[in-house]
Amino acid sequence: MGGIMGPMLPAQYATDRDNYKHRD
């Protein structure tokens, strides 16, 4: 925004932390 970084969001928004178990 205007040459600077916009509002930094909390960590839980920056990375999707949904958790699913992998099964073949």
mmCIF file of all heavy atoms, coordinates in Angstrom:
data_MODEL
# 
_entry.id   MODEL 
# 
loop_
_atom_site.group_PDB 
_atom_site.id 
_atom_site.type_symbol 
_atom_site.label_atom_id 
_atom_site.label_alt_id 
_atom_site.label_comp_id 
_atom_site.label_asym_id 
_atom_site.label_entity_id 
_atom_site.label_seq_id 
_atom_site.pdbx_PDB_ins_code 
_atom_site.Cartn_x 
_atom_site.Cartn_y 
_atom_site.Cartn_z 
_atom_site.occupancy 
_atom_site.B_iso_or_equiv 
_atom_site.pdbx_formal_charge 
_atom_site.auth_seq_id 
_atom_site.auth_comp_id 
_atom_site.auth_asym_id 
_atom_site.auth_atom_id 
_atom_site.pdbx_PDB_model_num 
ATOM 1   N N   . MET A 1 1  ? 0.872   -1.171  0.000  1.00 0.00 ? 1  MET A N   1 
ATOM 2   C CA  . MET A 1 1  ? 0.000   0.000   0.000  1.00 0.00 ? 1  MET A CA  1 
ATOM 3   C C   . MET A 1 1  ? 0.913   1.227   0.000  1.00 0.00 ? 1  MET A C   1 
ATOM 4   O O   . MET A 1 1  ? 1.610   1.486   0.977  1.00 0.00 ? 1  MET A O   1 
ATOM 5   C CB  . MET A 1 1  ? -0.923  0.025   1.215  1.00 0.00 ? 1  MET A CB  1 
ATOM 6   C CG  . MET A 1 1  ? -1.886  -1.139  1.266  1.00 0.00 ? 1  MET A CG  1 
ATOM 7   S SD  . MET A 1 1  ? -3.229  -0.909  2.444  1.00 0.00 ? 1  MET A SD  1 
ATOM 8   C CE  . MET A 1 1  ? -2.436  -0.116  3.806  1.00 0.00 ? 1  MET A CE  1 
ATOM 9   N N   . GLY A 1 2  ? 0.913   2.000   -1.108 1.00 0.00 ? 2  GLY A N   1 
ATOM 10  C CA  . GLY A 1 2  ? 1.684   3.223   -1.149 1.00 0.00 ? 2  GLY A CA  1 
ATOM 11  C C   . GLY A 1 2  ? 3.171   3.013   -0.943 1.00 0.00 ? 2  GLY A C   1 
ATOM 12  O O   . GLY A 1 2  ? 3.850   3.837   -0.331 1.00 0.00 ? 2  GLY A O   1 
ATOM 13  N N   . GLY A 1 3  ? 3.703   1.894   -1.448 1.00 0.00 ? 3  GLY A N   1 
ATOM 14  C CA  . GLY A 1 3  ? 5.131   1.671   -1.347 1.00 0.00 ? 3  GLY A CA  1 
ATOM 15  C C   . GLY A 1 3  ? 5.571   0.998   -0.063 1.00 0.00 ? 3  GLY A C   1 
ATOM 16  O O   . GLY A 1 3  ? 6.739   0.712   0.110  1.00 0.00 ? 3  GLY A O   1 
ATOM 17  N N   . ILE A 1 4  ? 4.627   0.724   0.883  1.00 0.00 ? 4  ILE A N   1 
ATOM 18  C CA  . ILE A 1 4  ? 4.967   0.026   2.114  1.00 0.00 ? 4  ILE A CA  1 
ATOM 19  C C   . ILE A 1 4  ? 4.072   -1.187  2.247  1.00 0.00 ? 4  ILE A C   1 
ATOM 20  O O   . ILE A 1 4  ? 3.071   -1.312  1.558  1.00 0.00 ? 4  ILE A O   1 
ATOM 21  C CB  . ILE A 1 4  ? 4.798   0.942   3.351  1.00 0.00 ? 4  ILE A CB  1 
ATOM 22  C CG1 . ILE A 1 4  ? 3.320   1.357   3.479  1.00 0.00 ? 4  ILE A CG1 1 
ATOM 23  C CG2 . ILE A 1 4  ? 5.692   2.163   3.269  1.00 0.00 ? 4  ILE A CG2 1 
ATOM 24  C CD1 . ILE A 1 4  ? 3.024   2.094   4.771  1.00 0.00 ? 4  ILE A CD1 1 
ATOM 25  N N   . MET A 1 5  ? 4.468   -2.075  3.123  1.00 0.00 ? 5  MET A N   1 
ATOM 26  C CA  . MET A 1 5  ? 3.639   -3.266  3.325  1.00 0.00 ? 5  MET A CA  1 
ATOM 27  C C   . MET A 1 5  ? 2.373   -2.888  4.063  1.00 0.00 ? 5  MET A C   1 
ATOM 28  O O   . MET A 1 5  ? 2.393   -2.088  4.997  1.00 0.00 ? 5  MET A O   1 
ATOM 29  C CB  . MET A 1 5  ? 4.410   -4.316  4.122  1.00 0.00 ? 5  MET A CB  1 
ATOM 30  C CG  . MET A 1 5  ? 5.594   -4.912  3.363  1.00 0.00 ? 5  MET A CG  1 
ATOM 31  S SD  . MET A 1 5  ? 5.093   -5.724  1.848  1.00 0.00 ? 5  MET A SD  1 
ATOM 32  C CE  . MET A 1 5  ? 4.229   -7.142  2.514  1.00 0.00 ? 5  MET A CE  1 
ATOM 33  N N   . GLY A 1 6  ? 1.275   -3.496  3.646  1.00 0.00 ? 6  GLY A N   1 
ATOM 34  C CA  . GLY A 1 6  ? 0.008   -3.253  4.305  1.00 0.00 ? 6  GLY A CA  1 
ATOM 35  C C   . GLY A 1 6  ? -0.046  -3.912  5.656  1.00 0.00 ? 6  GLY A C   1 
ATOM 36  O O   . GLY A 1 6  ? 0.937   -4.487  6.127  1.00 0.00 ? 6  GLY A O   1 
ATOM 37  N N   . PRO A 1 7  ? -1.192  -3.858  6.327  1.00 0.00 ? 7  PRO A N   1 
ATOM 38  C CA  . PRO A 1 7  ? -1.338  -4.418  7.675  1.00 0.00 ? 7  PRO A CA  1 
ATOM 39  C C   . PRO A 1 7  ? -0.924  -5.877  7.713  1.00 0.00 ? 7  PRO A C   1 
ATOM 40  O O   . PRO A 1 7  ? -1.367  -6.673  6.901  1.00 0.00 ? 7  PRO A O   1 
ATOM 41  C CB  . PRO A 1 7  ? -2.844  -4.249  7.964  1.00 0.00 ? 7  PRO A CB  1 
ATOM 42  C CG  . PRO A 1 7  ? -3.276  -3.147  7.063  1.00 0.00 ? 7  PRO A CG  1 
ATOM 43  C CD  . PRO A 1 7  ? -2.437  -3.270  5.826  1.00 0.00 ? 7  PRO A CD  1 
ATOM 44  N N   . MET A 1 8  ? -0.038  -6.211  8.645  1.00 0.00 ? 8  MET A N   1 
ATOM 45  C CA  . MET A 1 8  ? 0.367   -7.604  8.830  1.00 0.00 ? 8  MET A CA  1 
ATOM 46  C C   . MET A 1 8  ? -0.696  -8.334  9.618  1.00 0.00 ? 8  MET A C   1 
ATOM 47  O O   . MET A 1 8  ? -1.169  -7.846  10.639 1.00 0.00 ? 8  MET A O   1 
ATOM 48  C CB  . MET A 1 8  ? 1.698   -7.669  9.571  1.00 0.00 ? 8  MET A CB  1 
ATOM 49  C CG  . MET A 1 8  ? 2.865   -7.107  8.779  1.00 0.00 ? 8  MET A CG  1 
ATOM 50  S SD  . MET A 1 8  ? 4.381   -7.159  9.750  1.00 0.00 ? 8  MET A SD  1 
ATOM 51  C CE  . MET A 1 8  ? 4.513   -8.920  10.012 1.00 0.00 ? 8  MET A CE  1 
ATOM 52  N N   . LEU A 1 9  ? -1.070  -9.497  9.142  1.00 0.00 ? 9  LEU A N   1 
ATOM 53  C CA  . LEU A 1 9  ? -2.114  -10.268 9.782  1.00 0.00 ? 9  LEU A CA  1 
ATOM 54  C C   . LEU A 1 9  ? -1.505  -11.283 10.720 1.00 0.00 ? 9  LEU A C   1 
ATOM 55  O O   . LEU A 1 9  ? -0.375  -11.726 10.536 1.00 0.00 ? 9  LEU A O   1 
ATOM 56  C CB  . LEU A 1 9  ? -2.957  -10.975 8.726  1.00 0.00 ? 9  LEU A CB  1 
ATOM 57  C CG  . LEU A 1 9  ? -3.747  -10.013 7.826  1.00 0.00 ? 9  LEU A CG  1 
ATOM 58  C CD1 . LEU A 1 9  ? -4.405  -10.801 6.722  1.00 0.00 ? 9  LEU A CD1 1 
ATOM 59  C CD2 . LEU A 1 9  ? -4.750  -9.226  8.605  1.00 0.00 ? 9  LEU A CD2 1 
ATOM 60  N N   . PRO A 1 10 ? -2.250  -11.686 11.753 1.00 0.00 ? 10 PRO A N   1 
ATOM 61  C CA  . PRO A 1 10 ? -1.737  -12.687 12.688 1.00 0.00 ? 10 PRO A CA  1 
ATOM 62  C C   . PRO A 1 10 ? -1.346  -13.970 11.975 1.00 0.00 ? 10 PRO A C   1 
ATOM 63  O O   . PRO A 1 10 ? -1.779  -14.264 10.867 1.00 0.00 ? 10 PRO A O   1 
ATOM 64  C CB  . PRO A 1 10 ? -2.930  -12.908 13.642 1.00 0.00 ? 10 PRO A CB  1 
ATOM 65  C CG  . PRO A 1 10 ? -3.709  -11.645 13.560 1.00 0.00 ? 10 PRO A CG  1 
ATOM 66  C CD  . PRO A 1 10 ? -3.553  -11.169 12.143 1.00 0.00 ? 10 PRO A CD  1 
ATOM 67  N N   . ALA A 1 11 ? -0.540  -14.782 12.660 1.00 0.00 ? 11 ALA A N   1 
ATOM 68  C CA  . ALA A 1 11 ? 0.050   -15.969 12.038 1.00 0.00 ? 11 ALA A CA  1 
ATOM 69  C C   . ALA A 1 11 ? -0.987  -16.937 11.513 1.00 0.00 ? 11 ALA A C   1 
ATOM 70  O O   . ALA A 1 11 ? -0.787  -17.572 10.487 1.00 0.00 ? 11 ALA A O   1 
ATOM 71  C CB  . ALA A 1 11 ? 0.962   -16.670 13.044 1.00 0.00 ? 11 ALA A CB  1 
ATOM 72  N N   . GLN A 1 12 ? -2.151  -17.051 12.209 1.00 0.00 ? 12 GLN A N   1 
ATOM 73  C CA  . GLN A 1 12 ? -3.108  -18.058 11.775 1.00 0.00 ? 12 GLN A CA  1 
ATOM 74  C C   . GLN A 1 12 ? -3.754  -17.682 10.454 1.00 0.00 ? 12 GLN A C   1 
ATOM 75  O O   . GLN A 1 12 ? -4.306  -18.523 9.775  1.00 0.00 ? 12 GLN A O   1 
ATOM 76  C CB  . GLN A 1 12 ? -4.184  -18.301 12.842 1.00 0.00 ? 12 GLN A CB  1 
ATOM 77  C CG  . GLN A 1 12 ? -5.190  -17.170 12.994 1.00 0.00 ? 12 GLN A CG  1 
ATOM 78  C CD  . GLN A 1 12 ? -4.708  -16.126 13.985 1.00 0.00 ? 12 GLN A CD  1 
ATOM 79  O OE1 . GLN A 1 12 ? -3.552  -16.132 14.368 1.00 0.00 ? 12 GLN A OE1 1 
ATOM 80  N NE2 . GLN A 1 12 ? -5.588  -15.254 14.392 1.00 0.00 ? 12 GLN A NE2 1 
ATOM 81  N N   . TYR A 1 13 ? -3.687  -16.380 10.060 1.00 0.00 ? 13 TYR A N   1 
ATOM 82  C CA  . TYR A 1 13 ? -4.213  -15.999 8.762  1.00 0.00 ? 13 TYR A CA  1 
ATOM 83  C C   . TYR A 1 13 ? -3.161  -16.129 7.667  1.00 0.00 ? 13 TYR A C   1 
ATOM 84  O O   . TYR A 1 13 ? -3.467  -16.366 6.517  1.00 0.00 ? 13 TYR A O   1 
ATOM 85  C CB  . TYR A 1 13 ? -4.721  -14.549 8.802  1.00 0.00 ? 13 TYR A CB  1 
ATOM 86  C CG  . TYR A 1 13 ? -6.035  -14.406 9.483  1.00 0.00 ? 13 TYR A CG  1 
ATOM 87  C CD1 . TYR A 1 13 ? -6.181  -13.601 10.604 1.00 0.00 ? 13 TYR A CD1 1 
ATOM 88  C CD2 . TYR A 1 13 ? -7.150  -15.088 9.004  1.00 0.00 ? 13 TYR A CD2 1 
ATOM 89  C CE1 . TYR A 1 13 ? -7.404  -13.470 11.225 1.00 0.00 ? 13 TYR A CE1 1 
ATOM 90  C CE2 . TYR A 1 13 ? -8.373  -14.968 9.625  1.00 0.00 ? 13 TYR A CE2 1 
ATOM 91  C CZ  . TYR A 1 13 ? -8.500  -14.145 10.726 1.00 0.00 ? 13 TYR A CZ  1 
ATOM 92  O OH  . TYR A 1 13 ? -9.704  -14.020 11.350 1.00 0.00 ? 13 TYR A OH  1 
ATOM 93  N N   . ALA A 1 14 ? -1.876  -15.939 8.021  1.00 0.00 ? 14 ALA A N   1 
ATOM 94  C CA  . ALA A 1 14 ? -0.827  -15.987 7.024  1.00 0.00 ? 14 ALA A CA  1 
ATOM 95  C C   . ALA A 1 14 ? -0.652  -17.393 6.463  1.00 0.00 ? 14 ALA A C   1 
ATOM 96  O O   . ALA A 1 14 ? -0.239  -17.565 5.335  1.00 0.00 ? 14 ALA A O   1 
ATOM 97  C CB  . ALA A 1 14 ? 0.476   -15.505 7.635  1.00 0.00 ? 14 ALA A CB  1 
ATOM 98  N N   . THR A 1 15 ? -0.932  -18.410 7.244  1.00 0.00 ? 15 THR A N   1 
ATOM 99  C CA  . THR A 1 15 ? -0.771  -19.792 6.813  1.00 0.00 ? 15 THR A CA  1 
ATOM 100 C C   . THR A 1 15 ? -2.031  -20.574 7.130  1.00 0.00 ? 15 THR A C   1 
ATOM 101 O O   . THR A 1 15 ? -2.544  -20.502 8.234  1.00 0.00 ? 15 THR A O   1 
ATOM 102 C CB  . THR A 1 15 ? 0.423   -20.437 7.534  1.00 0.00 ? 15 THR A CB  1 
ATOM 103 O OG1 . THR A 1 15 ? 1.584   -19.673 7.267  1.00 0.00 ? 15 THR A OG1 1 
ATOM 104 C CG2 . THR A 1 15 ? 0.641   -21.855 7.039  1.00 0.00 ? 15 THR A CG2 1 
ATOM 105 N N   . ASP A 1 16 ? -2.517  -21.307 6.138  1.00 0.00 ? 16 ASP A N   1 
ATOM 106 C CA  . ASP A 1 16 ? -3.659  -22.180 6.367  1.00 0.00 ? 16 ASP A CA  1 
ATOM 107 C C   . ASP A 1 16 ? -3.200  -23.351 7.229  1.00 0.00 ? 16 ASP A C   1 
ATOM 108 O O   . ASP A 1 16 ? -2.311  -24.099 6.860  1.00 0.00 ? 16 ASP A O   1 
ATOM 109 C CB  . ASP A 1 16 ? -4.174  -22.686 5.021  1.00 0.00 ? 16 ASP A CB  1 
ATOM 110 C CG  . ASP A 1 16 ? -5.515  -23.373 5.139  1.00 0.00 ? 16 ASP A CG  1 
ATOM 111 O OD1 . ASP A 1 16 ? -5.755  -24.022 6.184  1.00 0.00 ? 16 ASP A OD1 1 
ATOM 112 O OD2 . ASP A 1 16 ? -6.315  -23.272 4.198  1.00 0.00 ? 16 ASP A OD2 1 
ATOM 113 N N   . ARG A 1 17 ? -3.828  -23.496 8.427  1.00 0.00 ? 17 ARG A N   1 
ATOM 114 C CA  . ARG A 1 17 ? -3.393  -24.533 9.353  1.00 0.00 ? 17 ARG A CA  1 
ATOM 115 C C   . ARG A 1 17 ? -4.411  -25.668 9.446  1.00 0.00 ? 17 ARG A C   1 
ATOM 116 O O   . ARG A 1 17 ? -4.396  -26.427 10.408 1.00 0.00 ? 17 ARG A O   1 
ATOM 117 C CB  . ARG A 1 17 ? -3.149  -23.928 10.748 1.00 0.00 ? 17 ARG A CB  1 
ATOM 118 C CG  . ARG A 1 17 ? -2.058  -22.864 10.758 1.00 0.00 ? 17 ARG A CG  1 
ATOM 119 C CD  . ARG A 1 17 ? -1.709  -22.459 12.187 1.00 0.00 ? 17 ARG A CD  1 
ATOM 120 N NE  . ARG A 1 17 ? -2.855  -21.923 12.874 1.00 0.00 ? 17 ARG A NE  1 
ATOM 121 C CZ  . ARG A 1 17 ? -3.175  -22.201 14.147 1.00 0.00 ? 17 ARG A CZ  1 
ATOM 122 N NH1 . ARG A 1 17 ? -2.439  -23.044 14.825 1.00 0.00 ? 17 ARG A NH1 1 
ATOM 123 N NH2 . ARG A 1 17 ? -4.233  -21.658 14.708 1.00 0.00 ? 17 ARG A NH2 1 
ATOM 124 N N   . ASP A 1 18 ? -5.286  -25.793 8.468  1.00 0.00 ? 18 ASP A N   1 
ATOM 125 C CA  . ASP A 1 18 ? -6.186  -26.946 8.454  1.00 0.00 ? 18 ASP A CA  1 
ATOM 126 C C   . ASP A 1 18 ? -5.352  -28.224 8.442  1.00 0.00 ? 18 ASP A C   1 
ATOM 127 O O   . ASP A 1 18 ? -4.312  -28.296 7.785  1.00 0.00 ? 18 ASP A O   1 
ATOM 128 C CB  . ASP A 1 18 ? -7.098  -26.901 7.230  1.00 0.00 ? 18 ASP A CB  1 
ATOM 129 C CG  . ASP A 1 18 ? -8.114  -25.766 7.283  1.00 0.00 ? 18 ASP A CG  1 
ATOM 130 O OD1 . ASP A 1 18 ? -8.281  -25.182 8.360  1.00 0.00 ? 18 ASP A OD1 1 
ATOM 131 O OD2 . ASP A 1 18 ? -8.720  -25.479 6.239  1.00 0.00 ? 18 ASP A OD2 1 
ATOM 132 N N   . ASN A 1 19 ? -5.829  -29.223 9.156  1.00 0.00 ? 19 ASN A N   1 
ATOM 133 C CA  . ASN A 1 19 ? -5.036  -30.434 9.360  1.00 0.00 ? 19 ASN A CA  1 
ATOM 134 C C   . ASN A 1 19 ? -5.799  -31.665 8.877  1.00 0.00 ? 19 ASN A C   1 
ATOM 135 O O   . ASN A 1 19 ? -6.838  -32.013 9.438  1.00 0.00 ? 19 ASN A O   1 
ATOM 136 C CB  . ASN A 1 19 ? -4.700  -30.576 10.850 1.00 0.00 ? 19 ASN A CB  1 
ATOM 137 C CG  . ASN A 1 19 ? -3.780  -31.745 11.130 1.00 0.00 ? 19 ASN A CG  1 
ATOM 138 O OD1 . ASN A 1 19 ? -3.014  -32.158 10.269 1.00 0.00 ? 19 ASN A OD1 1 
ATOM 139 N ND2 . ASN A 1 19 ? -3.861  -32.279 12.329 1.00 0.00 ? 19 ASN A ND2 1 
ATOM 140 N N   . TYR A 1 20 ? -5.295  -32.304 7.821  1.00 0.00 ? 20 TYR A N   1 
ATOM 141 C CA  . TYR A 1 20 ? -5.903  -33.507 7.276  1.00 0.00 ? 20 TYR A CA  1 
ATOM 142 C C   . TYR A 1 20 ? -4.867  -34.626 7.243  1.00 0.00 ? 20 TYR A C   1 
ATOM 143 O O   . TYR A 1 20 ? -3.716  -34.396 6.892  1.00 0.00 ? 20 TYR A O   1 
ATOM 144 C CB  . TYR A 1 20 ? -6.429  -33.250 5.860  1.00 0.00 ? 20 TYR A CB  1 
ATOM 145 C CG  . TYR A 1 20 ? -7.474  -32.181 5.790  1.00 0.00 ? 20 TYR A CG  1 
ATOM 146 C CD1 . TYR A 1 20 ? -7.147  -30.891 5.370  1.00 0.00 ? 20 TYR A CD1 1 
ATOM 147 C CD2 . TYR A 1 20 ? -8.783  -32.430 6.173  1.00 0.00 ? 20 TYR A CD2 1 
ATOM 148 C CE1 . TYR A 1 20 ? -8.100  -29.895 5.324  1.00 0.00 ? 20 TYR A CE1 1 
ATOM 149 C CE2 . TYR A 1 20 ? -9.740  -31.443 6.127  1.00 0.00 ? 20 TYR A CE2 1 
ATOM 150 C CZ  . TYR A 1 20 ? -9.392  -30.175 5.705  1.00 0.00 ? 20 TYR A CZ  1 
ATOM 151 O OH  . TYR A 1 20 ? -10.343 -29.193 5.667  1.00 0.00 ? 20 TYR A OH  1 
ATOM 152 N N   . LYS A 1 21 ? -5.296  -35.811 7.592  1.00 0.00 ? 21 LYS A N   1 
ATOM 153 C CA  . LYS A 1 21 ? -4.377  -36.942 7.617  1.00 0.00 ? 21 LYS A CA  1 
ATOM 154 C C   . LYS A 1 21 ? -4.286  -37.576 6.229  1.00 0.00 ? 21 LYS A C   1 
ATOM 155 O O   . LYS A 1 21 ? -5.305  -37.827 5.598  1.00 0.00 ? 21 LYS A O   1 
ATOM 156 C CB  . LYS A 1 21 ? -4.844  -37.980 8.637  1.00 0.00 ? 21 LYS A CB  1 
ATOM 157 C CG  . LYS A 1 21 ? -3.878  -39.148 8.803  1.00 0.00 ? 21 LYS A CG  1 
ATOM 158 C CD  . LYS A 1 21 ? -4.290  -40.029 9.973  1.00 0.00 ? 21 LYS A CD  1 
ATOM 159 C CE  . LYS A 1 21 ? -3.303  -41.177 10.159 1.00 0.00 ? 21 LYS A CE  1 
ATOM 160 N NZ  . LYS A 1 21 ? -3.635  -42.000 11.356 1.00 0.00 ? 21 LYS A NZ  1 
ATOM 161 N N   . HIS A 1 22 ? -3.076  -37.848 5.804  1.00 0.00 ? 22 HIS A N   1 
ATOM 162 C CA  . HIS A 1 22 ? -2.897  -38.488 4.501  1.00 0.00 ? 22 HIS A CA  1 
ATOM 163 C C   . HIS A 1 22 ? -3.103  -39.997 4.615  1.00 0.00 ? 22 HIS A C   1 
ATOM 164 O O   . HIS A 1 22 ? -2.565  -40.649 5.512  1.00 0.00 ? 22 HIS A O   1 
ATOM 165 C CB  . HIS A 1 22 ? -1.495  -38.215 3.960  1.00 0.00 ? 22 HIS A CB  1 
ATOM 166 C CG  . HIS A 1 22 ? -1.212  -38.955 2.686  1.00 0.00 ? 22 HIS A CG  1 
ATOM 167 N ND1 . HIS A 1 22 ? -1.850  -38.653 1.496  1.00 0.00 ? 22 HIS A ND1 1 
ATOM 168 C CD2 . HIS A 1 22 ? -0.393  -40.005 2.415  1.00 0.00 ? 22 HIS A CD2 1 
ATOM 169 C CE1 . HIS A 1 22 ? -1.425  -39.469 0.555  1.00 0.00 ? 22 HIS A CE1 1 
ATOM 170 N NE2 . HIS A 1 22 ? -0.545  -40.307 1.084  1.00 0.00 ? 22 HIS A NE2 1 
ATOM 171 N N   . ARG A 1 23 ? -3.873  -40.530 3.680  1.00 0.00 ? 23 ARG A N   1 
ATOM 172 C CA  . ARG A 1 23 ? -4.067  -41.987 3.585  1.00 0.00 ? 23 ARG A CA  1 
ATOM 173 C C   . ARG A 1 23 ? -3.975  -42.377 2.115  1.00 0.00 ? 23 ARG A C   1 
ATOM 174 O O   . ARG A 1 23 ? -4.652  -41.788 1.272  1.00 0.00 ? 23 ARG A O   1 
ATOM 175 C CB  . ARG A 1 23 ? -5.437  -42.407 4.146  1.00 0.00 ? 23 ARG A CB  1 
ATOM 176 C CG  . ARG A 1 23 ? -5.609  -42.145 5.641  1.00 0.00 ? 23 ARG A CG  1 
ATOM 177 C CD  . ARG A 1 23 ? -7.003  -42.556 6.108  1.00 0.00 ? 23 ARG A CD  1 
ATOM 178 N NE  . ARG A 1 23 ? -7.172  -42.397 7.535  1.00 0.00 ? 23 ARG A NE  1 
ATOM 179 C CZ  . ARG A 1 23 ? -7.590  -41.276 8.125  1.00 0.00 ? 23 ARG A CZ  1 
ATOM 180 N NH1 . ARG A 1 23 ? -7.870  -40.215 7.384  1.00 0.00 ? 23 ARG A NH1 1 
ATOM 181 N NH2 . ARG A 1 23 ? -7.725  -41.215 9.426  1.00 0.00 ? 23 ARG A NH2 1 
ATOM 182 N N   . ASP A 1 24 ? -3.150  -43.356 1.828  1.00 0.00 ? 24 ASP A N   1 
ATOM 183 C CA  . ASP A 1 24 ? -3.060  -43.845 0.458  1.00 0.00 ? 24 ASP A CA  1 
ATOM 184 C C   . ASP A 1 24 ? -4.362  -44.541 0.068  1.00 0.00 ? 24 ASP A C   1 
ATOM 185 O O   . ASP A 1 24 ? -4.998  -45.211 0.886  1.00 0.00 ? 24 ASP A O   1 
ATOM 186 C CB  . ASP A 1 24 ? -1.899  -44.828 0.323  1.00 0.00 ? 24 ASP A CB  1 
ATOM 187 C CG  . ASP A 1 24 ? -0.540  -44.149 0.458  1.00 0.00 ? 24 ASP A CG  1 
ATOM 188 O OD1 . ASP A 1 24 ? -0.444  -42.949 0.101  1.00 0.00 ? 24 ASP A OD1 1 
ATOM 189 O OD2 . ASP A 1 24 ? 0.402   -44.808 0.932  1.00 0.00 ? 24 ASP A OD2 1 
# 
